[in-house]
Amino acid sequence: MMVNPGLLELLGLFSLVTFVGSLLVVPWVIGRMPADYFVNHWRQVDQSHTRHPVVALVSFVLRNVFGFLLFLAGFAMLFLPGQGLLTMLIGVCLLNFPGKRTLLNKIVQNPSVQRGLNWIRRKQGKELFLFVVAIDRGR
């Protein structure tokens, strides 16, 4: 079986870019998020819909394109070097889709995800994230 050397070089370059990019972009984005993002973000989303329609549309498109690219890069980092799960989480935070709130709440209820997010916040000297407390309904 012959392997295309150009394809291997392209995959190697992609791996390097996603690894370095995740080391720079993910902590930067996590540091810029407000500490109550996972509790109060929904109010800010509702307020953003009251902006001028053109500004709202441009913001919607840019956030979703960047979020989708981060999600894809995070998925690739599950198999390549990098912070795959955190990159996918940041991508999901930027995307707009039905069920996003429920999905994010389920993801950030994972104690290891909370530790990872707050570890980055601590290293930056930022206030730790607040999380919605899951209520066990005895299921």
C-alpha atoms as a PDB file:
ATOM      1  CA  MET A   1       0.000   0.000   0.000  1.00  0.00           C
ATOM      2  CA  MET A   2       1.436   3.364  -1.042  1.00  0.00           C
ATOM      3  CA  VAL A   3       0.922   6.382   1.132  1.00  0.00           C
ATOM      4  CA  ASN A   4       0.897   9.796  -0.468  1.00  0.00           C
ATOM      5  CA  PRO A   5       3.819  11.780   1.094  1.00  0.00           C
ATOM      6  CA  GLY A   6       1.950  15.053   0.465  1.00  0.00           C
ATOM      7  CA  LEU A   7      -1.003  13.815   2.481  1.00  0.00           C
ATOM      8  CA  LEU A   8       1.261  12.811   5.366  1.00  0.00           C
ATOM      9  CA  GLU A   9       2.894  16.245   5.324  1.00  0.00           C
ATOM     10  CA  LEU A  10      -0.522  17.919   5.295  1.00  0.00           C
ATOM     11  CA  LEU A  11      -1.709  15.792   8.244  1.00  0.00           C
ATOM     12  CA  GLY A  12       1.491  16.540  10.147  1.00  0.00           C
ATOM     13  CA  LEU A  13       1.079  20.266   9.542  1.00  0.00           C
ATOM     14  CA  PHE A  14      -2.587  20.116  10.589  1.00  0.00           C
ATOM     15  CA  SER A  15      -1.595  18.252  13.758  1.00  0.00           C
ATOM     16  CA  LEU A  16       1.025  20.865  14.616  1.00  0.00           C
ATOM     17  CA  VAL A  17      -1.328  23.798  13.944  1.00  0.00           C
ATOM     18  CA  THR A  18      -4.177  22.318  16.007  1.00  0.00           C
ATOM     19  CA  PHE A  19      -1.827  21.476  18.882  1.00  0.00           C
ATOM     20  CA  VAL A  20      -0.212  24.926  19.049  1.00  0.00           C
ATOM     21  CA  GLY A  21      -3.528  26.638  18.341  1.00  0.00           C
ATOM     22  CA  SER A  22      -5.230  24.782  21.176  1.00  0.00           C
ATOM     23  CA  LEU A  23      -2.438  25.727  23.563  1.00  0.00           C
ATOM     24  CA  LEU A  24      -2.934  29.408  22.695  1.00  0.00           C
ATOM     25  CA  VAL A  25      -6.604  29.860  21.785  1.00  0.00           C
ATOM     26  CA  VAL A  26      -8.363  27.625  24.319  1.00  0.00           C
ATOM     27  CA  PRO A  27      -6.836  29.208  27.450  1.00  0.00           C
ATOM     28  CA  TRP A  28      -7.352  32.689  25.988  1.00  0.00           C
ATOM     29  CA  VAL A  29     -11.050  32.034  25.332  1.00  0.00           C
ATOM     30  CA  ILE A  30     -11.578  30.385  28.738  1.00  0.00           C
ATOM     31  CA  GLY A  31      -9.896  33.365  30.410  1.00  0.00           C
ATOM     32  CA  ARG A  32     -12.156  35.835  28.608  1.00  0.00           C
ATOM     33  CA  MET A  33     -15.374  34.061  29.581  1.00  0.00           C
ATOM     34  CA  PRO A  34     -17.194  35.543  32.590  1.00  0.00           C
ATOM     35  CA  ALA A  35     -17.072  33.417  35.747  1.00  0.00           C
ATOM     36  CA  ASP A  36     -20.867  32.998  35.635  1.00  0.00           C
ATOM     37  CA  TYR A  37     -20.954  32.001  31.954  1.00  0.00           C
ATOM     38  CA  PHE A  38     -22.446  28.557  32.591  1.00  0.00           C
ATOM     39  CA  VAL A  39     -25.125  30.066  34.864  1.00  0.00           C
ATOM     40  CA  ASN A  40     -26.146  33.367  33.213  1.00  0.00           C
ATOM     41  CA  HIS A  41     -25.067  33.120  29.560  1.00  0.00           C
ATOM     42  CA  TRP A  42     -28.654  32.534  28.470  1.00  0.00           C
ATOM     43  CA  ARG A  43     -29.729  36.027  29.532  1.00  0.00           C
ATOM     44  CA  GLN A  44     -26.974  37.573  27.412  1.00  0.00           C
ATOM     45  CA  VAL A  45     -28.060  35.525  24.392  1.00  0.00           C
ATOM     46  CA  ASP A  46     -31.619  36.793  24.752  1.00  0.00           C
ATOM     47  CA  GLN A  47     -30.339  40.394  24.944  1.00  0.00           C
ATOM     48  CA  SER A  48     -28.185  39.940  21.836  1.00  0.00           C
ATOM     49  CA  HIS A  49     -31.305  39.232  19.793  1.00  0.00           C
ATOM     50  CA  THR A  50     -32.467  42.821  20.378  1.00  0.00           C
ATOM     51  CA  ARG A  51     -29.525  44.283  18.408  1.00  0.00           C
ATOM     52  CA  HIS A  52     -29.759  45.675  14.892  1.00  0.00           C
ATOM     53  CA  PRO A  53     -30.631  42.797  12.508  1.00  0.00           C
ATOM     54  CA  VAL A  54     -27.468  43.204  10.396  1.00  0.00           C
ATOM     55  CA  VAL A  55     -25.186  43.224  13.452  1.00  0.00           C
ATOM     56  CA  ALA A  56     -27.048  40.223  14.891  1.00  0.00           C
ATOM     57  CA  LEU A  57     -26.700  38.306  11.593  1.00  0.00           C
ATOM     58  CA  VAL A  58     -22.972  39.043  11.199  1.00  0.00           C
ATOM     59  CA  SER A  59     -22.358  38.088  14.839  1.00  0.00           C
ATOM     60  CA  PHE A  60     -24.388  34.899  14.407  1.00  0.00           C
ATOM     61  CA  VAL A  61     -22.467  33.832  11.291  1.00  0.00           C
ATOM     62  CA  LEU A  62     -19.001  34.628  12.676  1.00  0.00           C
ATOM     63  CA  ARG A  63     -19.647  32.916  16.024  1.00  0.00           C
ATOM     64  CA  ASN A  64     -21.043  29.797  14.366  1.00  0.00           C
ATOM     65  CA  VAL A  65     -18.256  29.511  11.790  1.00  0.00           C
ATOM     66  CA  PHE A  66     -15.555  29.961  14.462  1.00  0.00           C
ATOM     67  CA  GLY A  67     -17.398  27.614  16.837  1.00  0.00           C
ATOM     68  CA  PHE A  68     -17.745  24.947  14.155  1.00  0.00           C
ATOM     69  CA  LEU A  69     -14.045  25.205  13.271  1.00  0.00           C
ATOM     70  CA  LEU A  70     -13.085  24.879  16.942  1.00  0.00           C
ATOM     71  CA  PHE A  71     -15.407  21.901  17.350  1.00  0.00           C
ATOM     72  CA  LEU A  72     -13.872  20.172  14.305  1.00  0.00           C
ATOM     73  CA  ALA A  73     -10.347  20.950  15.495  1.00  0.00           C
ATOM     74  CA  GLY A  74     -11.232  19.566  18.935  1.00  0.00           C
ATOM     75  CA  PHE A  75     -12.610  16.413  17.376  1.00  0.00           C
ATOM     76  CA  ALA A  76      -9.405  15.996  15.387  1.00  0.00           C
ATOM     77  CA  MET A  77      -7.421  16.500  18.600  1.00  0.00           C
ATOM     78  CA  LEU A  78      -9.080  13.435  20.066  1.00  0.00           C
ATOM     79  CA  PHE A  79      -6.783  11.543  17.683  1.00  0.00           C
ATOM     80  CA  LEU A  80      -3.985  14.122  17.366  1.00  0.00           C
ATOM     81  CA  PRO A  81      -2.041  15.991  20.063  1.00  0.00           C
ATOM     82  CA  GLY A  82      -3.959  18.803  21.746  1.00  0.00           C
ATOM     83  CA  GLN A  83      -6.737  19.659  24.163  1.00  0.00           C
ATOM     84  CA  GLY A  84      -9.547  17.977  22.248  1.00  0.00           C
ATOM     85  CA  LEU A  85     -12.375  17.959  24.781  1.00  0.00           C
ATOM     86  CA  LEU A  86     -11.814  21.527  25.961  1.00  0.00           C
ATOM     87  CA  THR A  87     -11.542  22.761  22.373  1.00  0.00           C
ATOM     88  CA  MET A  88     -14.788  20.988  21.489  1.00  0.00           C
ATOM     89  CA  LEU A  89     -16.446  22.537  24.574  1.00  0.00           C
ATOM     90  CA  ILE A  90     -15.373  26.047  23.542  1.00  0.00           C
ATOM     91  CA  GLY A  91     -16.671  25.360  20.021  1.00  0.00           C
ATOM     92  CA  VAL A  92     -20.038  24.244  21.415  1.00  0.00           C
ATOM     93  CA  CYS A  93     -20.166  27.405  23.580  1.00  0.00           C
ATOM     94  CA  LEU A  94     -19.875  29.531  20.447  1.00  0.00           C
ATOM     95  CA  LEU A  95     -22.393  27.592  18.344  1.00  0.00           C
ATOM     96  CA  ASN A  96     -26.126  28.310  18.263  1.00  0.00           C
ATOM     97  CA  PHE A  97     -28.363  25.253  17.960  1.00  0.00           C
ATOM     98  CA  PRO A  98     -31.458  23.832  19.644  1.00  0.00           C
ATOM     99  CA  GLY A  99     -30.595  21.929  22.808  1.00  0.00           C
ATOM    100  CA  LYS A 100     -27.282  23.743  23.346  1.00  0.00           C
ATOM    101  CA  ARG A 101     -28.139  24.735  26.920  1.00  0.00           C
ATOM    102  CA  THR A 102     -29.005  21.159  27.900  1.00  0.00           C
ATOM    103  CA  LEU A 103     -25.879  19.777  26.219  1.00  0.00           C
ATOM    104  CA  LEU A 104     -23.572  22.333  27.864  1.00  0.00           C
ATOM    105  CA  ASN A 105     -25.107  21.686  31.274  1.00  0.00           C
ATOM    106  CA  LYS A 106     -24.521  17.939  30.865  1.00  0.00           C
ATOM    107  CA  ILE A 107     -20.925  18.457  29.730  1.00  0.00           C
ATOM    108  CA  VAL A 108     -19.946  20.845  32.520  1.00  0.00           C
ATOM    109  CA  GLN A 109     -21.523  18.638  35.192  1.00  0.00           C
ATOM    110  CA  ASN A 110     -18.564  16.308  34.658  1.00  0.00           C
ATOM    111  CA  PRO A 111     -16.162  16.980  37.565  1.00  0.00           C
ATOM    112  CA  SER A 112     -13.068  16.477  35.391  1.00  0.00           C
ATOM    113  CA  VAL A 113     -14.328  19.083  32.893  1.00  0.00           C
ATOM    114  CA  GLN A 114     -14.960  21.513  35.775  1.00  0.00           C
ATOM    115  CA  ARG A 115     -11.473  20.851  37.187  1.00  0.00           C
ATOM    116  CA  GLY A 116      -9.886  21.397  33.757  1.00  0.00           C
ATOM    117  CA  LEU A 117     -11.720  24.651  33.146  1.00  0.00           C
ATOM    118  CA  ASN A 118     -10.999  26.023  36.619  1.00  0.00           C
ATOM    119  CA  TRP A 119      -7.361  24.883  36.448  1.00  0.00           C
ATOM    120  CA  ILE A 120      -6.898  27.137  33.419  1.00  0.00           C
ATOM    121  CA  ARG A 121      -8.732  29.985  35.218  1.00  0.00           C
ATOM    122  CA  ARG A 122      -6.519  29.565  38.309  1.00  0.00           C
ATOM    123  CA  LYS A 123      -3.327  29.679  36.219  1.00  0.00           C
ATOM    124  CA  GLN A 124      -4.524  32.984  34.728  1.00  0.00           C
ATOM    125  CA  GLY A 125      -5.439  34.438  38.128  1.00  0.00           C
ATOM    126  CA  LYS A 126      -9.107  34.629  37.124  1.00  0.00           C
ATOM    127  CA  GLU A 127     -12.167  33.978  39.253  1.00  0.00           C
ATOM    128  CA  LEU A 128     -13.229  30.323  39.067  1.00  0.00           C
ATOM    129  CA  PHE A 129     -16.305  29.351  37.048  1.00  0.00           C
ATOM    130  CA  LEU A 130     -19.666  28.949  38.717  1.00  0.00           C
ATOM    131  CA  PHE A 131     -21.651  25.890  37.654  1.00  0.00           C
ATOM    132  CA  VAL A 132     -25.311  24.967  37.937  1.00  0.00           C
ATOM    133  CA  VAL A 133     -25.665  22.296  40.592  1.00  0.00           C
ATOM    134  CA  ALA A 134     -27.286  19.134  39.217  1.00  0.00           C
ATOM    135  CA  ILE A 135     -30.224  17.928  41.294  1.00  0.00           C
ATOM    136  CA  ASP A 136     -30.510  14.182  41.610  1.00  0.00           C
ATOM    137  CA  ARG A 137     -34.204  13.345  41.294  1.00  0.00           C
ATOM    138  CA  GLY A 138     -33.736   9.778  42.480  1.00  0.00           C
ATOM    139  CA  ARG A 139     -33.916   8.145  39.043  1.00  0.00           C
END
